[in-house]
Amino acid sequence: MPGFSFKELEIVCRRLGLLRRETVKGIIWEGFDINGNYLYISVHMHAKGRDIPKGTLNQIIKRLRFKNEHDFLDFINDKKRRR
């Protein structure tokens, strides 16, 4: 799977309808999906401009309730796709 930047993650969070909340150490993206599941991820400030490490990306994929890496990649590539 190709590397993803935190900027791309921000785009995904916006497309999912998550709200951005600033904290002292970074940003929290939170909201609900169409099934009523609470979605929540946090991004630390020092991470901006870097690629997301593989393990962290897997945790984010699980927290955002994607089926797997390929489902996440399809969501990124298909601009019209909504949850």
PDB file of N, CA and C in Angstrom:
ATOM      1  N   MET A   1       0.853  -1.171   0.000  1.00  0.00           N
ATOM      2  CA  MET A   1       0.000   0.000   0.000  1.00  0.00           C
ATOM      3  C   MET A   1       0.898   1.232   0.000  1.00  0.00           C
ATOM      4  N   PRO A   2       0.572   2.226  -0.832  1.00  0.00           N
ATOM      5  CA  PRO A   2       1.406   3.430  -0.886  1.00  0.00           C
ATOM      6  C   PRO A   2       1.317   4.228   0.408  1.00  0.00           C
ATOM      7  N   GLY A   3       2.312   5.071   0.639  1.00  0.00           N
ATOM      8  CA  GLY A   3       2.302   5.911   1.826  1.00  0.00           C
ATOM      9  C   GLY A   3       1.271   7.022   1.701  1.00  0.00           C
ATOM     10  N   PHE A   4       0.651   7.374   2.797  1.00  0.00           N
ATOM     11  CA  PHE A   4      -0.326   8.451   2.822  1.00  0.00           C
ATOM     12  C   PHE A   4       0.151   9.530   3.769  1.00  0.00           C
ATOM     13  N   SER A   5      -0.093  10.764   3.408  1.00  0.00           N
ATOM     14  CA  SER A   5       0.304  11.882   4.249  1.00  0.00           C
ATOM     15  C   SER A   5      -0.858  12.251   5.175  1.00  0.00           C
ATOM     16  N   PHE A   6      -0.542  13.020   6.181  1.00  0.00           N
ATOM     17  CA  PHE A   6      -1.581  13.479   7.095  1.00  0.00           C
ATOM     18  C   PHE A   6      -2.510  14.471   6.410  1.00  0.00           C
ATOM     19  N   LYS A   7      -2.032  15.128   5.353  1.00  0.00           N
ATOM     20  CA  LYS A   7      -2.876  16.029   4.565  1.00  0.00           C
ATOM     21  C   LYS A   7      -3.980  15.227   3.871  1.00  0.00           C
ATOM     22  N   GLU A   8      -3.632  14.070   3.312  1.00  0.00           N
ATOM     23  CA  GLU A   8      -4.638  13.202   2.686  1.00  0.00           C
ATOM     24  C   GLU A   8      -5.625  12.679   3.723  1.00  0.00           C
ATOM     25  N   LEU A   9      -5.138  12.405   4.911  1.00  0.00           N
ATOM     26  CA  LEU A   9      -6.017  11.959   5.991  1.00  0.00           C
ATOM     27  C   LEU A   9      -7.024  13.055   6.336  1.00  0.00           C
ATOM     28  N   GLU A  10      -6.581  14.297   6.320  1.00  0.00           N
ATOM     29  CA  GLU A  10      -7.466  15.429   6.591  1.00  0.00           C
ATOM     30  C   GLU A  10      -8.581  15.499   5.541  1.00  0.00           C
ATOM     31  N   ILE A  11      -8.238  15.264   4.296  1.00  0.00           N
ATOM     32  CA  ILE A  11      -9.231  15.265   3.218  1.00  0.00           C
ATOM     33  C   ILE A  11     -10.258  14.161   3.437  1.00  0.00           C
ATOM     34  N   VAL A  12      -9.795  12.975   3.829  1.00  0.00           N
ATOM     35  CA  VAL A  12     -10.700  11.857   4.106  1.00  0.00           C
ATOM     36  C   VAL A  12     -11.639  12.209   5.258  1.00  0.00           C
ATOM     37  N   CYS A  13     -11.106  12.791   6.311  1.00  0.00           N
ATOM     38  CA  CYS A  13     -11.931  13.151   7.470  1.00  0.00           C
ATOM     39  C   CYS A  13     -13.005  14.169   7.089  1.00  0.00           C
ATOM     40  N   ARG A  14     -12.645  15.125   6.258  1.00  0.00           N
ATOM     41  CA  ARG A  14     -13.629  16.113   5.807  1.00  0.00           C
ATOM     42  C   ARG A  14     -14.719  15.454   4.965  1.00  0.00           C
ATOM     43  N   ARG A  15     -14.330  14.542   4.076  1.00  0.00           N
ATOM     44  CA  ARG A  15     -15.320  13.852   3.241  1.00  0.00           C
ATOM     45  C   ARG A  15     -16.250  12.978   4.075  1.00  0.00           C
ATOM     46  N   LEU A  16     -15.748  12.469   5.196  1.00  0.00           N
ATOM     47  CA  LEU A  16     -16.582  11.663   6.086  1.00  0.00           C
ATOM     48  C   LEU A  16     -17.497  12.527   6.952  1.00  0.00           C
ATOM     49  N   GLY A  17     -17.290  13.833   6.923  1.00  0.00           N
ATOM     50  CA  GLY A  17     -18.126  14.733   7.702  1.00  0.00           C
ATOM     51  C   GLY A  17     -17.685  14.883   9.143  1.00  0.00           C
ATOM     52  N   LEU A  18     -16.441  14.537   9.442  1.00  0.00           N
ATOM     53  CA  LEU A  18     -15.946  14.671  10.812  1.00  0.00           C
ATOM     54  C   LEU A  18     -15.603  16.126  11.099  1.00  0.00           C
ATOM     55  N   LEU A  19     -15.778  16.509  12.336  1.00  0.00           N
ATOM     56  CA  LEU A  19     -15.481  17.870  12.767  1.00  0.00           C
ATOM     57  C   LEU A  19     -14.078  17.950  13.341  1.00  0.00           C
ATOM     58  N   ARG A  20     -13.400  19.036  13.053  1.00  0.00           N
ATOM     59  CA  ARG A  20     -12.031  19.247  13.507  1.00  0.00           C
ATOM     60  C   ARG A  20     -12.055  20.056  14.805  1.00  0.00           C
ATOM     61  N   ARG A  21     -11.305  19.561  15.790  1.00  0.00           N
ATOM     62  CA  ARG A  21     -11.201  20.271  17.070  1.00  0.00           C
ATOM     63  C   ARG A  21      -9.727  20.389  17.429  1.00  0.00           C
ATOM     64  N   GLU A  22      -9.278  21.607  17.658  1.00  0.00           N
ATOM     65  CA  GLU A  22      -7.883  21.866  18.026  1.00  0.00           C
ATOM     66  C   GLU A  22      -7.668  21.549  19.501  1.00  0.00           C
ATOM     67  N   THR A  23      -6.526  20.953  19.807  1.00  0.00           N
ATOM     68  CA  THR A  23      -6.131  20.717  21.187  1.00  0.00           C
ATOM     69  C   THR A  23      -4.721  21.268  21.384  1.00  0.00           C
ATOM     70  N   VAL A  24      -4.210  21.164  22.574  1.00  0.00           N
ATOM     71  CA  VAL A  24      -2.869  21.667  22.862  1.00  0.00           C
ATOM     72  C   VAL A  24      -1.818  20.902  22.072  1.00  0.00           C
ATOM     73  N   LYS A  25      -1.980  19.600  21.936  1.00  0.00           N
ATOM     74  CA  LYS A  25      -0.963  18.770  21.290  1.00  0.00           C
ATOM     75  C   LYS A  25      -1.273  18.394  19.841  1.00  0.00           C
ATOM     76  N   GLY A  26      -2.395  18.829  19.298  1.00  0.00           N
ATOM     77  CA  GLY A  26      -2.708  18.467  17.923  1.00  0.00           C
ATOM     78  C   GLY A  26      -4.154  18.723  17.560  1.00  0.00           C
ATOM     79  N   ILE A  27      -4.700  17.825  16.775  1.00  0.00           N
ATOM     80  CA  ILE A  27      -6.053  17.958  16.244  1.00  0.00           C
ATOM     81  C   ILE A  27      -6.817  16.672  16.509  1.00  0.00           C
ATOM     82  N   ILE A  28      -8.093  16.824  16.831  1.00  0.00           N
ATOM     83  CA  ILE A  28      -8.977  15.679  16.999  1.00  0.00           C
ATOM     84  C   ILE A  28     -10.067  15.789  15.937  1.00  0.00           C
ATOM     85  N   TRP A  29     -10.263  14.701  15.202  1.00  0.00           N
ATOM     86  CA  TRP A  29     -11.357  14.604  14.236  1.00  0.00           C
ATOM     87  C   TRP A  29     -12.392  13.678  14.847  1.00  0.00           C
ATOM     88  N   GLU A  30     -13.649  14.156  14.955  1.00  0.00           N
ATOM     89  CA  GLU A  30     -14.678  13.325  15.560  1.00  0.00           C
ATOM     90  C   GLU A  30     -16.032  13.594  14.930  1.00  0.00           C
ATOM     91  N   GLY A  31     -16.892  12.610  15.016  1.00  0.00           N
ATOM     92  CA  GLY A  31     -18.237  12.713  14.485  1.00  0.00           C
ATOM     93  C   GLY A  31     -18.891  11.342  14.436  1.00  0.00           C
ATOM     94  N   PHE A  32     -20.017  11.284  13.761  1.00  0.00           N
ATOM     95  CA  PHE A  32     -20.779  10.044  13.641  1.00  0.00           C
ATOM     96  C   PHE A  32     -20.933   9.681  12.175  1.00  0.00           C
ATOM     97  N   ASP A  33     -20.908   8.381  11.884  1.00  0.00           N
ATOM     98  CA  ASP A  33     -21.157   7.952  10.513  1.00  0.00           C
ATOM     99  C   ASP A  33     -22.663   7.757  10.320  1.00  0.00           C
ATOM    100  N   ILE A  34     -23.070   7.323   9.129  1.00  0.00           N
ATOM    101  CA  ILE A  34     -24.501   7.211   8.829  1.00  0.00           C
ATOM    102  C   ILE A  34     -25.194   6.121   9.641  1.00  0.00           C
ATOM    103  N   ASN A  35     -24.427   5.204  10.207  1.00  0.00           N
ATOM    104  CA  ASN A  35     -24.999   4.138  11.040  1.00  0.00           C
ATOM    105  C   ASN A  35     -25.051   4.522  12.514  1.00  0.00           C
ATOM    106  N   GLY A  36     -24.609   5.729  12.837  1.00  0.00           N
ATOM    107  CA  GLY A  36     -24.626   6.194  14.223  1.00  0.00           C
ATOM    108  C   GLY A  36     -23.398   5.803  15.020  1.00  0.00           C
ATOM    109  N   ASN A  37     -22.377   5.260  14.371  1.00  0.00           N
ATOM    110  CA  ASN A  37     -21.146   4.891  15.061  1.00  0.00           C
ATOM    111  C   ASN A  37     -20.288   6.127  15.281  1.00  0.00           C
ATOM    112  N   TYR A  38     -19.747   6.247  16.479  1.00  0.00           N
ATOM    113  CA  TYR A  38     -18.881   7.371  16.811  1.00  0.00           C
ATOM    114  C   TYR A  38     -17.492   7.139  16.226  1.00  0.00           C
ATOM    115  N   LEU A  39     -16.999   8.105  15.453  1.00  0.00           N
ATOM    116  CA  LEU A  39     -15.677   8.023  14.849  1.00  0.00           C
ATOM    117  C   LEU A  39     -14.787   9.055  15.511  1.00  0.00           C
ATOM    118  N   TYR A  40     -13.535   8.669  15.805  1.00  0.00           N
ATOM    119  CA  TYR A  40     -12.636   9.548  16.533  1.00  0.00           C
ATOM    120  C   TYR A  40     -11.193   9.201  16.213  1.00  0.00           C
ATOM    121  N   ILE A  41     -10.419  10.184  15.775  1.00  0.00           N
ATOM    122  CA  ILE A  41      -8.979   9.991  15.631  1.00  0.00           C
ATOM    123  C   ILE A  41      -8.289  11.272  16.067  1.00  0.00           C
ATOM    124  N   SER A  42      -7.065  11.145  16.524  1.00  0.00           N
ATOM    125  CA  SER A  42      -6.283  12.319  16.899  1.00  0.00           C
ATOM    126  C   SER A  42      -4.984  12.327  16.102  1.00  0.00           C
ATOM    127  N   VAL A  43      -4.550  13.527  15.738  1.00  0.00           N
ATOM    128  CA  VAL A  43      -3.327  13.714  14.980  1.00  0.00           C
ATOM    129  C   VAL A  43      -2.464  14.697  15.754  1.00  0.00           C
ATOM    130  N   HIS A  44      -1.244  14.295  16.066  1.00  0.00           N
ATOM    131  CA  HIS A  44      -0.343  15.156  16.818  1.00  0.00           C
ATOM    132  C   HIS A  44       0.312  16.182  15.898  1.00  0.00           C
ATOM    133  N   MET A  45       0.614  17.343  16.442  1.00  0.00           N
ATOM    134  CA  MET A  45       1.146  18.451  15.657  1.00  0.00           C
ATOM    135  C   MET A  45       2.462  18.107  14.965  1.00  0.00           C
ATOM    136  N   HIS A  46       3.317  17.339  15.607  1.00  0.00           N
ATOM    137  CA  HIS A  46       4.626  17.041  15.028  1.00  0.00           C
ATOM    138  C   HIS A  46       4.526  16.128  13.810  1.00  0.00           C
ATOM    139  N   ALA A  47       3.326  15.612  13.530  1.00  0.00           N
ATOM    140  CA  ALA A  47       3.148  14.673  12.434  1.00  0.00           C
ATOM    141  C   ALA A  47       2.904  15.365  11.089  1.00  0.00           C
ATOM    142  N   LYS A  48       2.585  16.641  11.105  1.00  0.00           N
ATOM    143  CA  LYS A  48       2.242  17.333   9.871  1.00  0.00           C
ATOM    144  C   LYS A  48       3.401  17.311   8.880  1.00  0.00           C
ATOM    145  N   GLY A  49       3.107  17.027   7.616  1.00  0.00           N
ATOM    146  CA  GLY A  49       4.122  17.010   6.583  1.00  0.00           C
ATOM    147  C   GLY A  49       4.811  15.667   6.406  1.00  0.00           C
ATOM    148  N   ARG A  50       4.486  14.699   7.221  1.00  0.00           N
ATOM    149  CA  ARG A  50       5.093  13.372   7.124  1.00  0.00           C
ATOM    150  C   ARG A  50       4.092  12.371   6.571  1.00  0.00           C
ATOM    151  N   ASP A  51       4.628  11.231   6.149  1.00  0.00           N
ATOM    152  CA  ASP A  51       3.758  10.117   5.784  1.00  0.00           C
ATOM    153  C   ASP A  51       3.322   9.404   7.058  1.00  0.00           C
ATOM    154  N   ILE A  52       2.149   8.804   6.995  1.00  0.00           N
ATOM    155  CA  ILE A  52       1.616   8.073   8.144  1.00  0.00           C
ATOM    156  C   ILE A  52       2.303   6.714   8.213  1.00  0.00           C
ATOM    157  N   PRO A  53       2.883   6.356   9.360  1.00  0.00           N
ATOM    158  CA  PRO A  53       3.491   5.027   9.495  1.00  0.00           C
ATOM    159  C   PRO A  53       2.441   3.922   9.301  1.00  0.00           C
ATOM    160  N   LYS A  54       2.884   2.781   8.804  1.00  0.00           N
ATOM    161  CA  LYS A  54       1.993   1.669   8.451  1.00  0.00           C
ATOM    162  C   LYS A  54       1.086   1.240   9.614  1.00  0.00           C
ATOM    163  N   GLY A  55       1.657   1.076  10.795  1.00  0.00           N
ATOM    164  CA  GLY A  55       0.867   0.653  11.954  1.00  0.00           C
ATOM    165  C   GLY A  55      -0.172   1.686  12.353  1.00  0.00           C
ATOM    166  N   THR A  56       0.203   2.952  12.308  1.00  0.00           N
ATOM    167  CA  THR A  56      -0.723   4.030  12.630  1.00  0.00           C
ATOM    168  C   THR A  56      -1.850   4.081  11.608  1.00  0.00           C
ATOM    169  N   LEU A  57      -1.499   3.897  10.336  1.00  0.00           N
ATOM    170  CA  LEU A  57      -2.515   3.894   9.283  1.00  0.00           C
ATOM    171  C   LEU A  57      -3.514   2.759   9.501  1.00  0.00           C
ATOM    172  N   ASN A  58      -3.044   1.597   9.889  1.00  0.00           N
ATOM    173  CA  ASN A  58      -3.952   0.472  10.154  1.00  0.00           C
ATOM    174  C   ASN A  58      -4.901   0.790  11.309  1.00  0.00           C
ATOM    175  N   GLN A  59      -4.405   1.449  12.347  1.00  0.00           N
ATOM    176  CA  GLN A  59      -5.260   1.840  13.466  1.00  0.00           C
ATOM    177  C   GLN A  59      -6.310   2.865  13.026  1.00  0.00           C
ATOM    178  N   ILE A  60      -5.899   3.814  12.192  1.00  0.00           N
ATOM    179  CA  ILE A  60      -6.821   4.836  11.694  1.00  0.00           C
ATOM    180  C   ILE A  60      -7.910   4.185  10.837  1.00  0.00           C
ATOM    181  N   ILE A  61      -7.523   3.244   9.993  1.00  0.00           N
ATOM    182  CA  ILE A  61      -8.488   2.542   9.145  1.00  0.00           C
ATOM    183  C   ILE A  61      -9.524   1.826  10.006  1.00  0.00           C
ATOM    184  N   LYS A  62      -9.092   1.194  11.073  1.00  0.00           N
ATOM    185  CA  LYS A  62     -10.018   0.509  11.979  1.00  0.00           C
ATOM    186  C   LYS A  62     -10.927   1.500  12.692  1.00  0.00           C
ATOM    187  N   ARG A  63     -10.364   2.592  13.174  1.00  0.00           N
ATOM    188  CA  ARG A  63     -11.162   3.579  13.909  1.00  0.00           C
ATOM    189  C   ARG A  63     -12.189   4.271  13.029  1.00  0.00           C
ATOM    190  N   LEU A  64     -11.854   4.465  11.754  1.00  0.00           N
ATOM    191  CA  LEU A  64     -12.793   5.097  10.831  1.00  0.00           C
ATOM    192  C   LEU A  64     -13.764   4.083  10.224  1.00  0.00           C
ATOM    193  N   ARG A  65     -13.655   2.830  10.664  1.00  0.00           N
ATOM    194  CA  ARG A  65     -14.565   1.741  10.313  1.00  0.00           C
ATOM    195  C   ARG A  65     -14.588   1.397   8.826  1.00  0.00           C
ATOM    196  N   PHE A  66     -13.403   1.445   8.211  1.00  0.00           N
ATOM    197  CA  PHE A  66     -13.272   0.900   6.864  1.00  0.00           C
ATOM    198  C   PHE A  66     -13.062  -0.592   6.992  1.00  0.00           C
ATOM    199  N   LYS A  67     -13.438  -1.342   5.957  1.00  0.00           N
ATOM    200  CA  LYS A  67     -13.318  -2.798   6.006  1.00  0.00           C
ATOM    201  C   LYS A  67     -11.859  -3.240   6.067  1.00  0.00           C
ATOM    202  N   ASN A  68     -11.032  -2.626   5.204  1.00  0.00           N
ATOM    203  CA  ASN A  68      -9.617  -2.980   5.142  1.00  0.00           C
ATOM    204  C   ASN A  68      -8.872  -1.875   4.398  1.00  0.00           C
ATOM    205  N   GLU A  69      -7.584  -2.093   4.127  1.00  0.00           N
ATOM    206  CA  GLU A  69      -6.772  -1.093   3.447  1.00  0.00           C
ATOM    207  C   GLU A  69      -7.283  -0.793   2.046  1.00  0.00           C
ATOM    208  N   HIS A  70      -7.768  -1.823   1.372  1.00  0.00           N
ATOM    209  CA  HIS A  70      -8.253  -1.636   0.002  1.00  0.00           C
ATOM    210  C   HIS A  70      -9.534  -0.801  -0.021  1.00  0.00           C
ATOM    211  N   ASP A  71     -10.398  -0.975   0.952  1.00  0.00           N
ATOM    212  CA  ASP A  71     -11.612  -0.172   1.060  1.00  0.00           C
ATOM    213  C   ASP A  71     -11.242   1.297   1.308  1.00  0.00           C
ATOM    214  N   PHE A  72     -10.256   1.524   2.156  1.00  0.00           N
ATOM    215  CA  PHE A  72      -9.771   2.878   2.443  1.00  0.00           C
ATOM    216  C   PHE A  72      -9.191   3.506   1.176  1.00  0.00           C
ATOM    217  N   LEU A  73      -8.397   2.745   0.446  1.00  0.00           N
ATOM    218  CA  LEU A  73      -7.792   3.235  -0.789  1.00  0.00           C
ATOM    219  C   LEU A  73      -8.858   3.532  -1.846  1.00  0.00           C
ATOM    220  N   ASP A  74      -9.869   2.693  -1.954  1.00  0.00           N
ATOM    221  CA  ASP A  74     -10.973   2.942  -2.886  1.00  0.00           C
ATOM    222  C   ASP A  74     -11.710   4.228  -2.525  1.00  0.00           C
ATOM    223  N   PHE A  75     -11.897   4.472  -1.229  1.00  0.00           N
ATOM    224  CA  PHE A  75     -12.562   5.694  -0.783  1.00  0.00           C
ATOM    225  C   PHE A  75     -11.752   6.924  -1.188  1.00  0.00           C
ATOM    226  N   ILE A  76     -10.437   6.849  -1.060  1.00  0.00           N
ATOM    227  CA  ILE A  76      -9.577   7.972  -1.425  1.00  0.00           C
ATOM    228  C   ILE A  76      -9.607   8.211  -2.929  1.00  0.00           C
ATOM    229  N   ASN A  77      -9.557   7.145  -3.714  1.00  0.00           N
ATOM    230  CA  ASN A  77      -9.495   7.278  -5.171  1.00  0.00           C
ATOM    231  C   ASN A  77     -10.821   7.660  -5.808  1.00  0.00           C
ATOM    232  N   ASP A  78     -11.938   7.260  -5.224  1.00  0.00           N
ATOM    233  CA  ASP A  78     -13.251   7.565  -5.778  1.00  0.00           C
ATOM    234  C   ASP A  78     -13.795   8.834  -5.117  1.00  0.00           C
ATOM    235  N   LYS A  79     -13.611   9.965  -5.774  1.00  0.00           N
ATOM    236  CA  LYS A  79     -13.977  11.274  -5.204  1.00  0.00           C
ATOM    237  C   LYS A  79     -15.480  11.426  -4.966  1.00  0.00           C
ATOM    238  N   LYS A  80     -16.303  10.673  -5.716  1.00  0.00           N
ATOM    239  CA  LYS A  80     -17.748  10.789  -5.570  1.00  0.00           C
ATOM    240  C   LYS A  80     -18.286   9.896  -4.470  1.00  0.00           C
ATOM    241  N   ARG A  81     -17.490   8.936  -4.029  1.00  0.00           N
ATOM    242  CA  ARG A  81     -17.958   7.965  -3.036  1.00  0.00           C
ATOM    243  C   ARG A  81     -18.172   8.624  -1.680  1.00  0.00           C
ATOM    244  N   ARG A  82     -19.294   8.332  -1.121  1.00  0.00           N
ATOM    245  CA  ARG A  82     -19.584   8.714   0.253  1.00  0.00           C
ATOM    246  C   ARG A  82     -19.729   7.435   1.038  1.00  0.00           C
ATOM    247  N   ARG A  83     -19.739   7.507   2.285  1.00  0.00           N
ATOM    248  CA  ARG A  83     -19.809   6.332   3.142  1.00  0.00           C
ATOM    249  C   ARG A  83     -20.952   5.517   2.670  1.00  0.00           C
TER     250      ARG A  83
END
